[in-house]
Amino acid sequence: MKEGEMLKIKVPGSTANLGPGFDSIGLALNRFLTLTVTPSNEWFFEPISKEVQDIPTGTENLIYKVAASVAEKHDKLLPPCHVKVESDIPMARGLGSSAAAIAAGIELANQLVDLQLSEQEKLHVASVWEGHPDNAGASLLGGLVIGYIQEEHTDIIKVPNVQVDIVAVIPPYYLYTSDSRNVLPNELSYQEAVQASAVSNLMVASILQNNWELAGKMMDKDLFHQPYRSHLVPELKKVQTLSKQFGAYGTVLSGAGPTILSFVPVGMGEYIASKLQKELDHCEVTPLSVELNGTEVSYEKVENLT
C-alpha cells in the first residue's frame, strides 16, 4: 500500500457442506466482510457494523493474527494500520464469518508487504488455517467450490454457472463449530461410508448438471453430519418440511449451523422466504444469492474521502 492510499478488501461469506459434501464443498453467498485500511501508528481494528461490534480491536484480532503469520513466513513485518471492519455476515451462525476473516487476513498481508501470492498459495494457507477448504475456497474464489486439503497442497475446483437461489433461516442463537463437531461420531462403518460417499458423489454430479431437484434429494440423504447435529438445531426438521411444501429443492444446515439454507428455483427466493418467515417468526429469514466473485481488492486516494 502506497502512501496516500486507502486499501479496501471485500470478502464474501459462504456456506459449507450442502449436506453430504461434508468438509469439501463450499458456496459463496452475497453477505460480505469489508476492510478499509489506512496507515497508522499502531494496529487498530474499528468495528463499524453490528455483526462485528464485539471483535478484538488490537493484535489479538483473527484478521491480524492471520496476516502477521503470513507475513512472518515470508520474513516480512506488517506496517501498523487502522482497519475499519464492516460485515453483514452473522458471527457463529454457519455462514463463514471465520473463513472470511482468514481470507481477509491473507489478502491484507499480501497487499501490505507485496507478497504477490498466487491463488494456489492463498487457497492452501486459508485451508490450513480453517482446517478444510470449503468456506475458505468459496470466500477466495467465489461461486461453488469443491476441494481437498493435504499437508502441503490444496486442490480446488470452481464450478461455474450455478443456477439456484437460496433462502436462509437464521435462528437467534449461536452454535460454535467446536460444539457442533463434538456430536459427530469418531468413525463410520465401511458400509455407511460407501453409502455416504455415493450420496455425496451423486449430489455433486447433479449440481454439475444444474439438476437441483436431484441434488436436493441427496441433500436430504446426508449421512455424514446432519443426522448427528439435527437435535442442536430444532428448527431444521420444520424448515425441511415447510420448504419442500413451498417449492424448495432441498434444505441443509449451513456449515455447522445453526443457520438453515433451502435451495430454491431461481426467482422464488423472495416468495419462499416470506412464507417461511410467517412460520418462523423468531428467526431471521432472508433470501440470498450465489456470489460469483471471490475476494476483491481496490485502492483509493485518501484525500478523496469525505
C-alpha atoms as a PDB file:
ATOM      1  CA  MET A   1       0.000   0.000   0.000  1.00  0.00           C
ATOM      2  CA  LYS A   2       1.484   3.303  -1.117  1.00  0.00           C
ATOM      3  CA  GLU A   3       1.463   6.479   0.954  1.00  0.00           C
ATOM      4  CA  GLY A   4      -1.765   8.429   0.471  1.00  0.00           C
ATOM      5  CA  GLU A   5      -3.750   5.333  -0.485  1.00  0.00           C
ATOM      6  CA  MET A   6      -6.598   3.546   1.212  1.00  0.00           C
ATOM      7  CA  LEU A   7      -6.864  -0.214   0.729  1.00  0.00           C
ATOM      8  CA  LYS A   8     -10.230  -1.970   0.542  1.00  0.00           C
ATOM      9  CA  ILE A   9     -10.659  -5.730   0.818  1.00  0.00           C
ATOM     10  CA  LYS A  10     -14.117  -7.226   0.272  1.00  0.00           C
ATOM     11  CA  VAL A  11     -14.690 -10.905   1.067  1.00  0.00           C
ATOM     12  CA  PRO A  12     -17.923 -12.870   0.602  1.00  0.00           C
ATOM     13  CA  GLY A  13     -19.394 -15.090   3.266  1.00  0.00           C
ATOM     14  CA  SER A  14     -20.135 -18.691   2.453  1.00  0.00           C
ATOM     15  CA  THR A  15     -21.891 -21.895   3.305  1.00  0.00           C
ATOM     16  CA  ALA A  16     -20.190 -25.262   3.602  1.00  0.00           C
ATOM     17  CA  ASN A  17     -21.153 -28.883   3.064  1.00  0.00           C
ATOM     18  CA  LEU A  18     -24.515 -28.527   1.261  1.00  0.00           C
ATOM     19  CA  GLY A  19     -25.408 -31.589   3.301  1.00  0.00           C
ATOM     20  CA  PRO A  20     -23.394 -34.607   2.123  1.00  0.00           C
ATOM     21  CA  GLY A  21     -20.473 -32.606   0.711  1.00  0.00           C
ATOM     22  CA  PHE A  22     -19.032 -32.553   4.217  1.00  0.00           C
ATOM     23  CA  ASP A  23     -15.813 -30.515   4.671  1.00  0.00           C
ATOM     24  CA  SER A  24     -15.217 -30.375   0.917  1.00  0.00           C
ATOM     25  CA  ILE A  25     -17.930 -28.240  -0.760  1.00  0.00           C
ATOM     26  CA  GLY A  26     -18.354 -24.506  -0.278  1.00  0.00           C
ATOM     27  CA  LEU A  27     -20.609 -21.887  -1.835  1.00  0.00           C
ATOM     28  CA  ALA A  28     -20.024 -18.126  -1.704  1.00  0.00           C
ATOM     29  CA  LEU A  29     -23.003 -16.024  -0.655  1.00  0.00           C
ATOM     30  CA  ASN A  30     -23.885 -12.353  -1.049  1.00  0.00           C
ATOM     31  CA  ARG A  31     -23.031 -11.379   2.525  1.00  0.00           C
ATOM     32  CA  PHE A  32     -19.711  -9.553   2.892  1.00  0.00           C
ATOM     33  CA  LEU A  33     -16.838  -8.666   5.192  1.00  0.00           C
ATOM     34  CA  THR A  34     -15.190  -5.401   4.135  1.00  0.00           C
ATOM     35  CA  LEU A  35     -11.919  -3.954   5.425  1.00  0.00           C
ATOM     36  CA  THR A  36     -10.969  -0.311   4.877  1.00  0.00           C
ATOM     37  CA  VAL A  37      -7.255   0.027   5.632  1.00  0.00           C
ATOM     38  CA  THR A  38      -5.154   3.150   6.153  1.00  0.00           C
ATOM     39  CA  PRO A  39      -1.649   3.624   7.636  1.00  0.00           C
ATOM     40  CA  SER A  40      -1.457   4.320  11.370  1.00  0.00           C
ATOM     41  CA  ASN A  41       0.948   4.454  14.289  1.00  0.00           C
ATOM     42  CA  GLU A  42      -0.481   1.246  15.755  1.00  0.00           C
ATOM     43  CA  TRP A  43      -2.828  -1.575  14.857  1.00  0.00           C
ATOM     44  CA  PHE A  44      -6.462  -0.814  15.495  1.00  0.00           C
ATOM     45  CA  PHE A  45      -9.495  -2.711  14.201  1.00  0.00           C
ATOM     46  CA  GLU A  46     -12.537  -0.455  14.345  1.00  0.00           C
ATOM     47  CA  PRO A  47     -15.910  -2.240  14.158  1.00  0.00           C
ATOM     48  CA  ILE A  48     -18.408  -0.191  12.178  1.00  0.00           C
ATOM     49  CA  SER A  49     -21.325  -2.618  11.884  1.00  0.00           C
ATOM     50  CA  LYS A  50     -23.422  -4.571  14.372  1.00  0.00           C
ATOM     51  CA  GLU A  51     -22.178  -8.021  13.389  1.00  0.00           C
ATOM     52  CA  VAL A  52     -18.589  -7.216  14.363  1.00  0.00           C
ATOM     53  CA  GLN A  53     -19.160  -4.916  17.336  1.00  0.00           C
ATOM     54  CA  ASP A  54     -17.504  -7.348  19.762  1.00  0.00           C
ATOM     55  CA  ILE A  55     -14.362  -8.196  17.769  1.00  0.00           C
ATOM     56  CA  PRO A  56     -10.938  -7.668  19.352  1.00  0.00           C
ATOM     57  CA  THR A  57      -9.608  -4.270  18.337  1.00  0.00           C
ATOM     58  CA  GLY A  58      -5.897  -4.942  18.662  1.00  0.00           C
ATOM     59  CA  THR A  59      -3.366  -7.536  17.572  1.00  0.00           C
ATOM     60  CA  GLU A  60      -5.455 -10.317  19.137  1.00  0.00           C
ATOM     61  CA  ASN A  61      -7.879  -9.902  16.228  1.00  0.00           C
ATOM     62  CA  LEU A  62      -8.053 -13.001  13.985  1.00  0.00           C
ATOM     63  CA  ILE A  63      -7.511 -10.935  10.849  1.00  0.00           C
ATOM     64  CA  TYR A  64      -4.281  -9.560  12.265  1.00  0.00           C
ATOM     65  CA  LYS A  65      -3.113 -12.964  13.515  1.00  0.00           C
ATOM     66  CA  VAL A  66      -3.535 -14.462  10.040  1.00  0.00           C
ATOM     67  CA  ALA A  67      -1.909 -11.506   8.295  1.00  0.00           C
ATOM     68  CA  ALA A  68       1.054 -11.426  10.683  1.00  0.00           C
ATOM     69  CA  SER A  69       1.580 -15.177  10.339  1.00  0.00           C
ATOM     70  CA  VAL A  70       1.573 -14.988   6.541  1.00  0.00           C
ATOM     71  CA  ALA A  71       3.986 -12.047   6.543  1.00  0.00           C
ATOM     72  CA  GLU A  72       6.310 -13.734   9.038  1.00  0.00           C
ATOM     73  CA  LYS A  73       6.560 -16.853   6.888  1.00  0.00           C
ATOM     74  CA  HIS A  74       7.924 -14.600   4.149  1.00  0.00           C
ATOM     75  CA  ASP A  75      10.286 -12.759   6.542  1.00  0.00           C
ATOM     76  CA  LYS A  76       8.212  -9.585   6.373  1.00  0.00           C
ATOM     77  CA  LEU A  77       6.917  -7.267   9.082  1.00  0.00           C
ATOM     78  CA  LEU A  78       3.481  -5.719   8.717  1.00  0.00           C
ATOM     79  CA  PRO A  79       3.274  -1.918   8.941  1.00  0.00           C
ATOM     80  CA  PRO A  80       0.680  -0.789  11.529  1.00  0.00           C
ATOM     81  CA  CYS A  81      -2.722   0.158  10.140  1.00  0.00           C
ATOM     82  CA  HIS A  82      -6.133   1.425  11.141  1.00  0.00           C
ATOM     83  CA  VAL A  83      -8.648  -1.103   9.825  1.00  0.00           C
ATOM     84  CA  LYS A  84     -12.339  -0.322   9.665  1.00  0.00           C
ATOM     85  CA  VAL A  85     -14.251  -3.599   9.769  1.00  0.00           C
ATOM     86  CA  GLU A  86     -17.746  -3.842   8.352  1.00  0.00           C
ATOM     87  CA  SER A  87     -19.723  -7.060   7.948  1.00  0.00           C
ATOM     88  CA  ASP A  88     -23.228  -8.346   7.420  1.00  0.00           C
ATOM     89  CA  ILE A  89     -22.113 -11.959   7.912  1.00  0.00           C
ATOM     90  CA  PRO A  90     -23.598 -13.204  11.207  1.00  0.00           C
ATOM     91  CA  MET A  91     -20.977 -14.471  13.647  1.00  0.00           C
ATOM     92  CA  ALA A  92     -21.037 -18.145  14.724  1.00  0.00           C
ATOM     93  CA  ARG A  93     -24.082 -18.876  12.576  1.00  0.00           C
ATOM     94  CA  GLY A  94     -22.564 -21.161   9.921  1.00  0.00           C
ATOM     95  CA  LEU A  95     -22.196 -18.509   7.218  1.00  0.00           C
ATOM     96  CA  GLY A  96     -18.420 -18.435   7.003  1.00  0.00           C
ATOM     97  CA  SER A  97     -17.559 -15.449   9.203  1.00  0.00           C
ATOM     98  CA  SER A  98     -14.262 -17.004  10.357  1.00  0.00           C
ATOM     99  CA  ALA A  99     -13.284 -18.123   6.861  1.00  0.00           C
ATOM    100  CA  ALA A 100     -13.983 -14.624   5.543  1.00  0.00           C
ATOM    101  CA  ALA A 101     -11.740 -13.174   8.260  1.00  0.00           C
ATOM    102  CA  ILE A 102      -8.994 -15.660   7.355  1.00  0.00           C
ATOM    103  CA  ALA A 103      -9.240 -14.813   3.651  1.00  0.00           C
ATOM    104  CA  ALA A 104      -9.185 -11.105   4.511  1.00  0.00           C
ATOM    105  CA  GLY A 105      -6.086 -11.555   6.677  1.00  0.00           C
ATOM    106  CA  ILE A 106      -4.221 -13.372   3.918  1.00  0.00           C
ATOM    107  CA  GLU A 107      -5.042 -10.667   1.405  1.00  0.00           C
ATOM    108  CA  LEU A 108      -4.175  -7.940   3.910  1.00  0.00           C
ATOM    109  CA  ALA A 109      -0.659  -9.346   4.279  1.00  0.00           C
ATOM    110  CA  ASN A 110      -0.395  -9.914   0.541  1.00  0.00           C
ATOM    111  CA  GLN A 111      -1.149  -6.268  -0.161  1.00  0.00           C
ATOM    112  CA  LEU A 112       0.675  -4.560   2.719  1.00  0.00           C
ATOM    113  CA  VAL A 113       4.063  -6.182   2.110  1.00  0.00           C
ATOM    114  CA  ASP A 114       3.618  -7.012  -1.586  1.00  0.00           C
ATOM    115  CA  LEU A 115       3.948 -10.786  -1.283  1.00  0.00           C
ATOM    116  CA  GLN A 116       2.433 -11.438  -4.725  1.00  0.00           C
ATOM    117  CA  LEU A 117       0.920 -14.691  -3.508  1.00  0.00           C
ATOM    118  CA  SER A 118      -0.547 -16.935  -6.158  1.00  0.00           C
ATOM    119  CA  GLU A 119      -4.157 -18.054  -5.997  1.00  0.00           C
ATOM    120  CA  GLN A 120      -2.965 -21.540  -5.108  1.00  0.00           C
ATOM    121  CA  GLU A 121      -0.826 -20.252  -2.245  1.00  0.00           C
ATOM    122  CA  LYS A 122      -3.723 -18.246  -0.810  1.00  0.00           C
ATOM    123  CA  LEU A 123      -6.044 -21.235  -1.042  1.00  0.00           C
ATOM    124  CA  HIS A 124      -3.666 -23.524   0.789  1.00  0.00           C
ATOM    125  CA  VAL A 125      -2.887 -21.057   3.566  1.00  0.00           C
ATOM    126  CA  ALA A 126      -6.599 -20.369   4.088  1.00  0.00           C
ATOM    127  CA  SER A 127      -7.423 -24.078   4.090  1.00  0.00           C
ATOM    128  CA  VAL A 128      -4.735 -24.824   6.662  1.00  0.00           C
ATOM    129  CA  TRP A 129      -5.964 -22.050   8.933  1.00  0.00           C
ATOM    130  CA  GLU A 130      -9.568 -23.188   8.642  1.00  0.00           C
ATOM    131  CA  GLY A 131      -8.826 -26.912   8.639  1.00  0.00           C
ATOM    132  CA  HIS A 132     -10.714 -27.624   5.412  1.00  0.00           C
ATOM    133  CA  PRO A 133     -11.056 -25.916   2.023  1.00  0.00           C
ATOM    134  CA  ASP A 134     -14.823 -25.372   1.711  1.00  0.00           C
ATOM    135  CA  ASN A 135     -15.623 -21.969   3.262  1.00  0.00           C
ATOM    136  CA  ALA A 136     -12.126 -20.627   2.653  1.00  0.00           C
ATOM    137  CA  GLY A 137     -12.116 -21.628  -1.007  1.00  0.00           C
ATOM    138  CA  ALA A 138     -15.522 -20.071  -1.605  1.00  0.00           C
ATOM    139  CA  SER A 139     -14.507 -16.806   0.093  1.00  0.00           C
ATOM    140  CA  LEU A 140     -11.357 -16.559  -2.008  1.00  0.00           C
ATOM    141  CA  LEU A 141     -12.723 -17.700  -5.377  1.00  0.00           C
ATOM    142  CA  GLY A 142     -16.471 -17.072  -5.239  1.00  0.00           C
ATOM    143  CA  GLY A 143     -19.122 -19.395  -6.644  1.00  0.00           C
ATOM    144  CA  LEU A 144     -19.242 -23.070  -5.748  1.00  0.00           C
ATOM    145  CA  VAL A 145     -16.005 -24.865  -4.961  1.00  0.00           C
ATOM    146  CA  ILE A 146     -15.059 -28.470  -4.289  1.00  0.00           C
ATOM    147  CA  GLY A 147     -11.745 -29.049  -2.559  1.00  0.00           C
ATOM    148  CA  TYR A 148      -9.365 -31.443  -0.859  1.00  0.00           C
ATOM    149  CA  ILE A 149      -6.595 -30.413   1.535  1.00  0.00           C
ATOM    150  CA  GLN A 150      -3.305 -32.209   2.020  1.00  0.00           C
ATOM    151  CA  GLU A 151      -0.368 -31.249   4.209  1.00  0.00           C
ATOM    152  CA  GLU A 152       1.492 -29.338   1.505  1.00  0.00           C
ATOM    153  CA  HIS A 153      -1.170 -28.658  -1.093  1.00  0.00           C
ATOM    154  CA  THR A 154      -4.854 -27.888  -1.566  1.00  0.00           C
ATOM    155  CA  ASP A 155      -6.708 -28.866  -4.725  1.00  0.00           C
ATOM    156  CA  ILE A 156      -9.865 -26.901  -5.537  1.00  0.00           C
ATOM    157  CA  ILE A 157     -12.248 -26.895  -8.486  1.00  0.00           C
ATOM    158  CA  LYS A 158     -14.582 -23.937  -9.021  1.00  0.00           C
ATOM    159  CA  VAL A 159     -17.926 -24.912 -10.541  1.00  0.00           C
ATOM    160  CA  PRO A 160     -19.244 -22.273 -12.967  1.00  0.00           C
ATOM    161  CA  ASN A 161     -22.841 -21.396 -13.750  1.00  0.00           C
ATOM    162  CA  VAL A 162     -24.619 -22.331 -10.536  1.00  0.00           C
ATOM    163  CA  GLN A 163     -28.308 -21.768 -11.232  1.00  0.00           C
ATOM    164  CA  VAL A 164     -30.065 -21.703  -7.878  1.00  0.00           C
ATOM    165  CA  ASP A 165     -31.378 -19.249  -5.306  1.00  0.00           C
ATOM    166  CA  ILE A 166     -31.166 -19.662  -1.550  1.00  0.00           C
ATOM    167  CA  VAL A 167     -33.314 -18.865   1.460  1.00  0.00           C
ATOM    168  CA  ALA A 168     -31.585 -18.600   4.824  1.00  0.00           C
ATOM    169  CA  VAL A 169     -33.322 -19.200   8.136  1.00  0.00           C
ATOM    170  CA  ILE A 170     -31.070 -17.778  10.856  1.00  0.00           C
ATOM    171  CA  PRO A 171     -32.042 -18.786  14.416  1.00  0.00           C
ATOM    172  CA  PRO A 172     -31.388 -16.249  17.191  1.00  0.00           C
ATOM    173  CA  TYR A 173     -28.668 -18.268  18.937  1.00  0.00           C
ATOM    174  CA  TYR A 174     -25.016 -19.094  18.413  1.00  0.00           C
ATOM    175  CA  LEU A 175     -23.693 -22.545  17.633  1.00  0.00           C
ATOM    176  CA  TYR A 176     -19.928 -22.761  17.675  1.00  0.00           C
ATOM    177  CA  THR A 177     -18.238 -25.146  15.269  1.00  0.00           C
ATOM    178  CA  SER A 178     -16.333 -26.844  18.087  1.00  0.00           C
ATOM    179  CA  ASP A 179     -19.569 -27.687  19.893  1.00  0.00           C
ATOM    180  CA  SER A 180     -21.210 -28.876  16.688  1.00  0.00           C
ATOM    181  CA  ARG A 181     -18.246 -31.119  15.867  1.00  0.00           C
ATOM    182  CA  ASN A 182     -18.304 -32.709  19.295  1.00  0.00           C
ATOM    183  CA  VAL A 183     -21.544 -34.553  18.470  1.00  0.00           C
ATOM    184  CA  LEU A 184     -20.107 -36.251  15.373  1.00  0.00           C
ATOM    185  CA  PRO A 185     -19.070 -39.925  15.530  1.00  0.00           C
ATOM    186  CA  ASN A 186     -15.406 -40.854  15.536  1.00  0.00           C
ATOM    187  CA  GLU A 187     -15.935 -43.338  12.710  1.00  0.00           C
ATOM    188  CA  LEU A 188     -18.448 -44.831  10.293  1.00  0.00           C
ATOM    189  CA  SER A 189     -18.686 -48.463   9.285  1.00  0.00           C
ATOM    190  CA  TYR A 190     -17.394 -49.405   5.850  1.00  0.00           C
ATOM    191  CA  GLN A 191     -20.947 -49.867   4.570  1.00  0.00           C
ATOM    192  CA  GLU A 192     -22.041 -46.489   5.951  1.00  0.00           C
ATOM    193  CA  ALA A 193     -19.016 -44.776   4.439  1.00  0.00           C
ATOM    194  CA  VAL A 194     -19.718 -46.236   0.999  1.00  0.00           C
ATOM    195  CA  GLN A 195     -23.349 -45.165   1.145  1.00  0.00           C
ATOM    196  CA  ALA A 196     -22.499 -41.671   2.393  1.00  0.00           C
ATOM    197  CA  SER A 197     -19.896 -41.260  -0.337  1.00  0.00           C
ATOM    198  CA  ALA A 198     -22.359 -42.365  -3.037  1.00  0.00           C
ATOM    199  CA  VAL A 199     -24.874 -39.773  -1.844  1.00  0.00           C
ATOM    200  CA  SER A 200     -22.204 -37.059  -1.926  1.00  0.00           C
ATOM    201  CA  ASN A 201     -20.963 -38.089  -5.378  1.00  0.00           C
ATOM    202  CA  LEU A 202     -24.441 -38.047  -6.857  1.00  0.00           C
ATOM    203  CA  MET A 203     -25.154 -34.640  -5.369  1.00  0.00           C
ATOM    204  CA  VAL A 204     -22.025 -33.198  -6.947  1.00  0.00           C
ATOM    205  CA  ALA A 205     -22.870 -34.758 -10.316  1.00  0.00           C
ATOM    206  CA  SER A 206     -26.374 -33.297 -10.075  1.00  0.00           C
ATOM    207  CA  ILE A 207     -25.033 -29.813  -9.328  1.00  0.00           C
ATOM    208  CA  LEU A 208     -22.656 -30.007 -12.280  1.00  0.00           C
ATOM    209  CA  GLN A 209     -25.717 -30.517 -14.485  1.00  0.00           C
ATOM    210  CA  ASN A 210     -27.752 -27.917 -12.568  1.00  0.00           C
ATOM    211  CA  ASN A 211     -30.176 -30.704 -11.709  1.00  0.00           C
ATOM    212  CA  TRP A 212     -31.099 -29.188  -8.373  1.00  0.00           C
ATOM    213  CA  GLU A 213     -34.148 -31.363  -7.899  1.00  0.00           C
ATOM    214  CA  LEU A 214     -31.940 -34.443  -7.690  1.00  0.00           C
ATOM    215  CA  ALA A 215     -29.295 -32.530  -5.722  1.00  0.00           C
ATOM    216  CA  GLY A 216     -31.985 -31.624  -3.196  1.00  0.00           C
ATOM    217  CA  LYS A 217     -32.947 -35.267  -2.766  1.00  0.00           C
ATOM    218  CA  MET A 218     -29.326 -36.112  -2.000  1.00  0.00           C
ATOM    219  CA  MET A 219     -29.093 -33.247   0.490  1.00  0.00           C
ATOM    220  CA  ASP A 220     -31.874 -34.905   2.453  1.00  0.00           C
ATOM    221  CA  LYS A 221     -29.966 -38.221   2.491  1.00  0.00           C
ATOM    222  CA  ASP A 222     -26.762 -36.896   4.073  1.00  0.00           C
ATOM    223  CA  LEU A 223     -25.167 -39.421   6.435  1.00  0.00           C
ATOM    224  CA  PHE A 224     -22.010 -37.550   7.370  1.00  0.00           C
ATOM    225  CA  HIS A 225     -23.152 -34.886   9.818  1.00  0.00           C
ATOM    226  CA  GLN A 226     -26.769 -33.685   9.748  1.00  0.00           C
ATOM    227  CA  PRO A 227     -28.304 -36.745  11.450  1.00  0.00           C
ATOM    228  CA  TYR A 228     -25.990 -36.111  14.431  1.00  0.00           C
ATOM    229  CA  ARG A 229     -26.424 -32.332  14.562  1.00  0.00           C
ATOM    230  CA  SER A 230     -30.149 -32.027  13.965  1.00  0.00           C
ATOM    231  CA  HIS A 231     -31.003 -32.058  17.697  1.00  0.00           C
ATOM    232  CA  LEU A 232     -28.797 -28.976  18.146  1.00  0.00           C
ATOM    233  CA  VAL A 233     -30.950 -27.027  15.669  1.00  0.00           C
ATOM    234  CA  PRO A 234     -34.608 -27.812  16.462  1.00  0.00           C
ATOM    235  CA  GLU A 235     -35.813 -25.650  13.559  1.00  0.00           C
ATOM    236  CA  LEU A 236     -34.129 -27.875  10.951  1.00  0.00           C
ATOM    237  CA  LYS A 237     -36.831 -30.520  10.510  1.00  0.00           C
ATOM    238  CA  LYS A 238     -39.584 -27.908  10.404  1.00  0.00           C
ATOM    239  CA  VAL A 239     -37.784 -25.905   7.721  1.00  0.00           C
ATOM    240  CA  GLN A 240     -37.094 -29.063   5.703  1.00  0.00           C
ATOM    241  CA  THR A 241     -40.801 -29.947   5.710  1.00  0.00           C
ATOM    242  CA  LEU A 242     -42.149 -26.452   5.055  1.00  0.00           C
ATOM    243  CA  SER A 243     -39.605 -25.543   2.388  1.00  0.00           C
ATOM    244  CA  LYS A 244     -40.422 -28.657   0.390  1.00  0.00           C
ATOM    245  CA  GLN A 245     -44.110 -27.734   0.537  1.00  0.00           C
ATOM    246  CA  PHE A 246     -43.309 -24.232  -0.718  1.00  0.00           C
ATOM    247  CA  GLY A 247     -41.261 -25.498  -3.681  1.00  0.00           C
ATOM    248  CA  ALA A 248     -37.669 -25.803  -2.451  1.00  0.00           C
ATOM    249  CA  TYR A 249     -35.328 -28.428  -3.871  1.00  0.00           C
ATOM    250  CA  GLY A 250     -33.651 -29.317  -0.591  1.00  0.00           C
ATOM    251  CA  THR A 251     -32.722 -27.948   2.827  1.00  0.00           C
ATOM    252  CA  VAL A 252     -29.478 -28.269   4.786  1.00  0.00           C
ATOM    253  CA  LEU A 253     -27.593 -26.971   7.767  1.00  0.00           C
ATOM    254  CA  SER A 254     -25.241 -24.219   6.692  1.00  0.00           C
ATOM    255  CA  GLY A 255     -21.846 -25.466   7.779  1.00  0.00           C
ATOM    256  CA  ALA A 256     -22.034 -26.451  11.428  1.00  0.00           C
ATOM    257  CA  GLY A 257     -25.275 -24.493  11.872  1.00  0.00           C
ATOM    258  CA  PRO A 258     -27.457 -23.100  13.262  1.00  0.00           C
ATOM    259  CA  THR A 259     -28.350 -21.309  10.008  1.00  0.00           C
ATOM    260  CA  ILE A 260     -30.529 -23.433   7.735  1.00  0.00           C
ATOM    261  CA  LEU A 261     -30.428 -22.996   3.958  1.00  0.00           C
ATOM    262  CA  SER A 262     -33.084 -24.006   1.455  1.00  0.00           C
ATOM    263  CA  PHE A 263     -32.060 -24.239  -2.191  1.00  0.00           C
ATOM    264  CA  VAL A 264     -34.904 -22.976  -4.353  1.00  0.00           C
ATOM    265  CA  PRO A 265     -35.659 -22.336  -8.044  1.00  0.00           C
ATOM    266  CA  VAL A 266     -34.242 -19.091  -9.429  1.00  0.00           C
ATOM    267  CA  GLY A 267     -36.706 -16.272  -8.849  1.00  0.00           C
ATOM    268  CA  MET A 268     -38.555 -17.967  -5.966  1.00  0.00           C
ATOM    269  CA  GLY A 269     -36.372 -16.784  -3.105  1.00  0.00           C
ATOM    270  CA  GLU A 270     -38.496 -13.828  -2.020  1.00  0.00           C
ATOM    271  CA  TYR A 271     -41.718 -15.869  -2.149  1.00  0.00           C
ATOM    272  CA  ILE A 272     -40.411 -18.822  -0.143  1.00  0.00           C
ATOM    273  CA  ALA A 273     -38.676 -16.515   2.353  1.00  0.00           C
ATOM    274  CA  SER A 274     -41.951 -14.689   3.022  1.00  0.00           C
ATOM    275  CA  LYS A 275     -43.803 -17.974   3.552  1.00  0.00           C
ATOM    276  CA  LEU A 276     -41.152 -19.298   5.937  1.00  0.00           C
ATOM    277  CA  GLN A 277     -40.976 -16.052   7.892  1.00  0.00           C
ATOM    278  CA  LYS A 278     -44.659 -16.388   8.816  1.00  0.00           C
ATOM    279  CA  GLU A 279     -43.988 -19.848  10.255  1.00  0.00           C
ATOM    280  CA  LEU A 280     -40.707 -18.994  11.999  1.00  0.00           C
ATOM    281  CA  ASP A 281     -41.209 -15.529  13.391  1.00  0.00           C
ATOM    282  CA  HIS A 282     -38.451 -15.981  15.997  1.00  0.00           C
ATOM    283  CA  CYS A 283     -35.835 -16.371  13.207  1.00  0.00           C
ATOM    284  CA  GLU A 284     -34.428 -14.037  10.601  1.00  0.00           C
ATOM    285  CA  VAL A 285     -35.491 -15.356   7.196  1.00  0.00           C
ATOM    286  CA  THR A 286     -33.847 -13.824   4.174  1.00  0.00           C
ATOM    287  CA  PRO A 287     -33.289 -14.660   0.503  1.00  0.00           C
ATOM    288  CA  LEU A 288     -29.670 -14.954  -0.574  1.00  0.00           C
ATOM    289  CA  SER A 289     -27.908 -15.462  -3.871  1.00  0.00           C
ATOM    290  CA  VAL A 290     -24.713 -17.122  -5.023  1.00  0.00           C
ATOM    291  CA  GLU A 291     -21.808 -14.649  -5.098  1.00  0.00           C
ATOM    292  CA  LEU A 292     -19.755 -15.424  -8.187  1.00  0.00           C
ATOM    293  CA  ASN A 293     -16.865 -13.119  -7.277  1.00  0.00           C
ATOM    294  CA  GLY A 294     -14.369 -14.017  -4.591  1.00  0.00           C
ATOM    295  CA  THR A 295     -12.133 -11.701  -2.590  1.00  0.00           C
ATOM    296  CA  GLU A 296     -11.834  -8.282  -4.236  1.00  0.00           C
ATOM    297  CA  VAL A 297      -9.131  -5.655  -3.682  1.00  0.00           C
ATOM    298  CA  SER A 298      -9.221  -1.971  -4.573  1.00  0.00           C
ATOM    299  CA  TYR A 299      -7.304   1.208  -3.777  1.00  0.00           C
ATOM    300  CA  GLU A 300      -8.498   4.785  -3.394  1.00  0.00           C
ATOM    301  CA  LYS A 301      -6.705   8.043  -2.702  1.00  0.00           C
ATOM    302  CA  VAL A 302      -7.146   9.075   0.923  1.00  0.00           C
ATOM    303  CA  GLU A 303      -7.712  12.728   0.040  1.00  0.00           C
ATOM    304  CA  ASN A 304     -10.814  11.781  -1.939  1.00  0.00           C
ATOM    305  CA  LEU A 305     -12.562  10.615   1.205  1.00  0.00           C
ATOM    306  CA  THR A 306     -15.144  12.790   2.916  1.00  0.00           C
END
